[in-house]
Protein backbone atom coordinates (compact mmCIF):
# COMPACT_ATOMS: atom_id res chain seq x y z
CA MET A 1 -48.55 4.07 90.99
CA PHE A 2 -45.59 5.01 88.76
CA SER A 3 -43.14 7.86 89.38
CA ALA A 4 -39.57 9.03 89.03
CA PRO A 5 -37.21 11.09 91.23
CA GLY A 6 -36.70 14.73 90.57
CA ASP A 7 -33.04 15.16 89.61
CA LEU A 8 -31.98 17.77 87.03
CA GLY A 9 -31.01 15.40 84.24
CA ALA A 10 -27.41 16.57 84.49
CA LEU A 11 -24.31 14.47 84.31
CA ARG A 12 -20.88 15.16 85.90
CA ALA A 13 -18.12 13.34 84.12
CA PRO A 14 -14.68 14.20 82.70
CA LEU A 15 -14.66 13.38 79.03
CA ALA A 16 -11.75 13.68 76.57
CA LEU A 17 -11.70 13.66 72.82
CA GLY A 18 -8.61 13.92 70.63
CA PHE A 19 -9.06 16.65 68.02
CA ALA A 20 -7.80 20.26 67.76
CA GLY A 21 -5.74 19.47 70.80
CA LEU A 22 -7.80 17.86 73.53
CA LEU A 23 -11.48 18.46 73.93
CA ALA A 24 -12.33 18.23 77.63
CA ALA A 25 -16.10 17.82 78.23
CA LEU A 26 -17.22 18.75 81.69
CA ILE A 27 -20.86 18.16 82.41
CA MET A 28 -21.94 19.95 85.50
CA PRO A 29 -25.01 19.43 87.76
CA LEU A 30 -25.97 23.07 88.38
CA PRO A 31 -29.46 24.42 89.16
CA ALA A 32 -31.93 24.55 86.26
CA ALA A 33 -32.98 27.84 84.80
CA ALA A 34 -36.41 29.15 85.67
CA GLN A 35 -39.04 28.24 83.07
CA ASP A 36 -41.39 30.88 81.63
CA ALA A 37 -43.33 28.45 79.51
CA PRO A 38 -46.99 29.10 78.61
CA ALA A 39 -49.72 26.98 80.09
CA THR A 40 -49.46 23.37 79.07
CA VAL A 41 -52.28 21.85 76.96
CA VAL A 42 -53.71 18.82 78.77
CA ILE A 43 -54.61 15.76 76.60
CA THR A 44 -56.24 12.39 77.23
CA SER A 45 -54.40 9.08 77.43
CA ASP A 46 -55.75 8.06 74.05
CA GLU A 47 -54.47 11.31 72.52
CA ALA A 48 -51.14 10.79 74.26
CA LYS A 49 -50.79 7.27 72.76
CA ALA A 50 -51.26 8.77 69.31
CA VAL A 51 -48.76 11.66 69.68
CA LEU A 52 -46.05 10.37 71.99
CA PRO A 53 -42.83 9.28 70.17
CA ASP A 54 -41.38 5.81 70.20
CA ALA A 55 -39.47 5.56 73.45
CA GLU A 56 -37.01 3.03 72.03
CA GLY A 57 -35.05 5.40 69.89
CA TYR A 58 -33.50 8.85 69.88
CA ARG A 59 -31.48 11.04 67.59
CA LEU A 60 -28.38 13.02 68.62
CA GLU A 61 -28.05 16.16 66.51
CA ILE A 62 -24.55 17.74 66.36
CA GLU A 63 -24.94 21.31 65.25
CA ASN A 64 -21.53 23.06 65.62
CA ASP A 65 -20.48 24.36 62.18
CA GLY A 66 -16.97 24.85 63.54
CA LEU A 67 -16.26 21.14 63.55
CA ASN A 68 -15.33 19.05 60.49
CA ALA A 69 -17.10 15.77 59.70
CA GLN A 70 -14.62 13.60 61.65
CA GLN A 71 -14.75 15.87 64.68
CA ARG A 72 -18.58 15.80 64.73
CA GLN A 73 -18.51 12.01 64.41
CA ASP A 74 -15.94 11.69 67.31
CA LEU A 75 -18.01 14.08 69.46
CA GLY A 76 -21.21 12.17 68.69
CA THR A 77 -19.61 8.87 69.71
CA MET A 78 -18.38 10.43 73.01
CA LEU A 79 -21.81 11.86 73.79
CA ILE A 80 -23.70 8.63 72.92
CA ASP A 81 -21.43 6.72 75.35
CA THR A 82 -22.24 9.31 78.05
CA ILE A 83 -25.97 9.51 77.38
CA GLY A 84 -26.61 5.83 77.72
CA ASP A 85 -30.20 4.81 78.25
CA ALA A 86 -31.33 8.22 79.57
CA HIS A 87 -31.85 10.42 76.56
CA PHE A 88 -34.56 12.72 75.29
CA PHE A 89 -35.13 15.55 75.75
CA GLY A 90 -31.61 16.89 76.01
CA ALA A 91 -29.37 19.79 74.98
CA ILE A 92 -25.62 20.26 74.79
CA TYR A 93 -24.00 23.72 75.18
CA ALA A 94 -20.30 24.61 75.15
CA PHE A 95 -17.87 27.48 75.53
CA LEU A 96 -14.13 27.93 74.89
CA PRO A 97 -12.21 29.14 77.96
CA GLU A 98 -9.86 32.08 77.34
CA GLY A 99 -6.50 30.98 76.06
CA SER A 100 -7.57 27.31 75.76
CA ARG A 101 -8.16 24.89 72.97
CA GLN A 102 -10.34 22.73 75.21
CA LEU A 103 -14.08 23.14 75.06
CA SER A 104 -16.15 22.98 78.26
CA ILE A 105 -19.24 20.97 77.38
CA HIS A 106 -22.52 20.95 79.37
CA LEU A 107 -25.19 18.38 78.83
CA ARG A 108 -28.77 18.05 80.25
CA ARG A 109 -30.86 15.06 79.25
CA GLN A 110 -34.03 13.23 80.26
CA LEU A 111 -36.11 16.39 80.65
CA HIS A 112 -39.80 16.50 79.70
CA SER A 113 -39.49 19.29 77.17
CA MET A 114 -36.96 20.67 74.71
CA GLU A 115 -37.39 24.12 76.27
CA ALA A 116 -36.43 22.87 79.69
CA ALA A 117 -33.39 21.06 78.40
CA GLU A 118 -32.24 24.09 76.42
CA LYS A 119 -32.57 26.59 79.20
CA SER A 120 -31.04 24.28 81.83
CA ALA A 121 -27.98 23.41 79.71
CA LEU A 122 -27.42 27.05 78.78
CA ALA A 123 -27.70 28.06 82.45
CA ASP A 124 -25.09 25.36 83.37
CA CYS A 125 -22.76 26.65 80.70
CA ASP A 126 -23.17 30.34 81.54
CA ALA A 127 -22.62 29.64 85.24
CA GLU A 128 -19.29 28.08 84.49
CA ARG A 129 -17.97 30.79 82.21
CA SER A 130 -15.47 33.44 83.32
CA GLU A 131 -14.70 36.88 81.88
CA GLY A 132 -12.71 36.40 78.71
CA ASP A 133 -14.29 33.05 77.84
CA SER A 134 -16.31 32.71 74.70
CA GLU A 135 -20.10 32.91 74.72
CA CYS A 136 -22.01 29.67 75.28
CA TYR A 137 -23.37 28.19 72.12
CA ARG A 138 -25.44 25.07 71.42
CA ILE A 139 -23.59 22.19 69.75
CA GLY A 140 -26.26 19.50 69.96
CA ARG A 141 -29.71 18.25 70.98
CA ILE A 142 -31.11 14.90 72.02
CA VAL A 143 -34.56 14.29 70.59
CA PRO A 144 -36.83 11.35 69.79
CA GLU A 145 -36.21 9.52 66.58
CA ASN A 146 -38.31 10.91 63.65
CA TRP A 147 -39.21 13.97 65.76
CA SER A 148 -39.41 17.54 64.64
CA ASP A 149 -39.90 20.83 66.48
CA ASP A 150 -43.50 20.99 65.27
CA ASP A 151 -44.24 17.82 67.18
CA GLY A 152 -43.75 19.55 70.53
CA SER A 153 -42.64 17.75 73.65
CA LEU A 154 -44.70 16.15 76.41
CA LEU A 155 -42.71 13.61 78.43
CA SER A 156 -39.15 12.40 78.77
CA HIS A 157 -37.88 9.12 77.42
CA GLU A 158 -38.38 7.42 80.82
CA ALA A 159 -41.85 8.66 81.34
CA THR A 160 -42.80 7.97 77.73
CA PHE A 161 -41.57 4.36 78.05
CA ALA A 162 -43.41 3.80 81.35
CA PHE A 163 -46.63 5.25 79.91
CA SER A 164 -46.52 3.18 76.67
CA GLN A 165 -45.71 -0.03 78.59
CA ASN A 166 -48.42 0.33 81.27
CA VAL A 167 -51.27 2.58 80.09
CA ASP A 168 -53.40 -0.21 78.56
CA ALA A 169 -53.11 -2.39 81.68
CA LEU A 170 -54.27 0.34 84.04
CA GLU A 171 -57.95 0.50 84.95
CA GLY A 172 -59.96 3.68 85.12
CA PRO A 173 -58.98 7.25 84.06
CA LYS A 174 -55.26 7.90 83.70
CA VAL A 175 -53.46 11.00 84.98
CA VAL A 176 -49.84 11.92 84.36
CA ALA A 177 -48.01 14.81 86.04
CA ARG A 178 -44.54 16.06 85.08
CA SER A 179 -42.03 18.56 86.47
CA ARG A 180 -41.28 21.57 84.36
CA ASN A 181 -37.59 21.78 85.40
CA THR A 182 -36.51 18.32 86.62
CA THR A 183 -36.91 14.76 85.55
CA ALA A 184 -39.71 13.99 88.05
CA TRP A 185 -43.03 12.63 86.89
CA ALA A 186 -45.95 10.46 88.32
CA MET A 187 -48.70 8.42 86.71
CA TRP A 188 -51.88 7.38 88.45
CA SER A 189 -55.14 5.61 87.38
CA GLY A 190 -58.56 5.60 88.90
CA GLU A 191 -61.18 8.13 89.99
CA ASP A 192 -60.14 11.42 91.56
CA VAL A 193 -56.40 10.79 91.34
CA ARG A 194 -55.40 14.16 89.79
CA GLN A 195 -54.19 15.53 93.09
CA ARG A 196 -52.41 12.34 94.01
CA ALA A 197 -50.35 12.49 90.75
CA LEU A 198 -49.48 16.12 91.39
CA ASP A 199 -48.52 15.53 95.04
CA GLU A 200 -46.36 12.50 94.20
CA CYS A 201 -44.56 14.37 91.41
CA ASN A 202 -43.97 17.41 93.66
CA GLU A 203 -42.71 15.27 96.47
CA ALA A 204 -40.13 13.79 94.09
CA VAL A 205 -39.02 17.26 93.09
CA GLU A 206 -38.77 18.43 96.74
CA ALA A 207 -36.86 15.27 97.61
CA GLY A 208 -34.19 16.34 95.10
CA GLY A 209 -33.99 19.77 96.86
CA PHE A 210 -35.91 21.83 94.39
CA GLU A 211 -39.11 23.89 94.40
CA PRO A 212 -42.26 21.97 93.43
CA ASP A 213 -43.21 22.77 89.81
CA CYS A 214 -45.35 19.81 88.60
CA GLU A 215 -48.28 20.15 86.20
CA ILE A 216 -50.82 17.76 84.77
CA VAL A 217 -50.21 16.88 81.09
CA ILE A 218 -52.42 13.81 80.64
CA ASN A 219 -55.87 13.62 82.28
CA ASP A 220 -58.74 11.36 81.20
CA GLY A 221 -60.91 13.11 83.76
CA ALA A 222 -60.48 16.60 82.47
């Protein structure tokens, strides 16, 4: 039916920004942190249509109080260029290496939950730090437009877009599986397709070299 590969939603790119010296942004594809999230509530496709955000837009929140307005604007412009068409859910963490004026920035995007993006980006940042460097701290998030923390998170931008574009054309009950830690997902329709969706999602995760971790989040047959 519909599915996506199981990468980690990480980017590797040298980025530079001219303020307070040179801000060097290094986005590293390191393993995701283990997720200890509670059991996911499964909803129907009709419920999903009502609660899923608009896949066409996203909001980049820059949160570092240590930057002035111009620096935040410049950082936002740099990140938007890097994010491209693969956005929510994402998190940006940074640390300042010892004796340096250049931040090391770590971005994860296109995850299915804010929790996964936060833990993965923080794990990337912590894995890169050395003794004497500053602690990692969050400087931004990538979320759907008009979204709040109370809305929760169900699917990534890519999966949300595919669902919204195809759900009404599919016949029979719909089932969507997502990976907890990677960008993988799968959507099937028809009778008794729950296991097919799980298997296809987990195969995508394993193809990326990671442990299968998919779960059902939308199920009309539940």
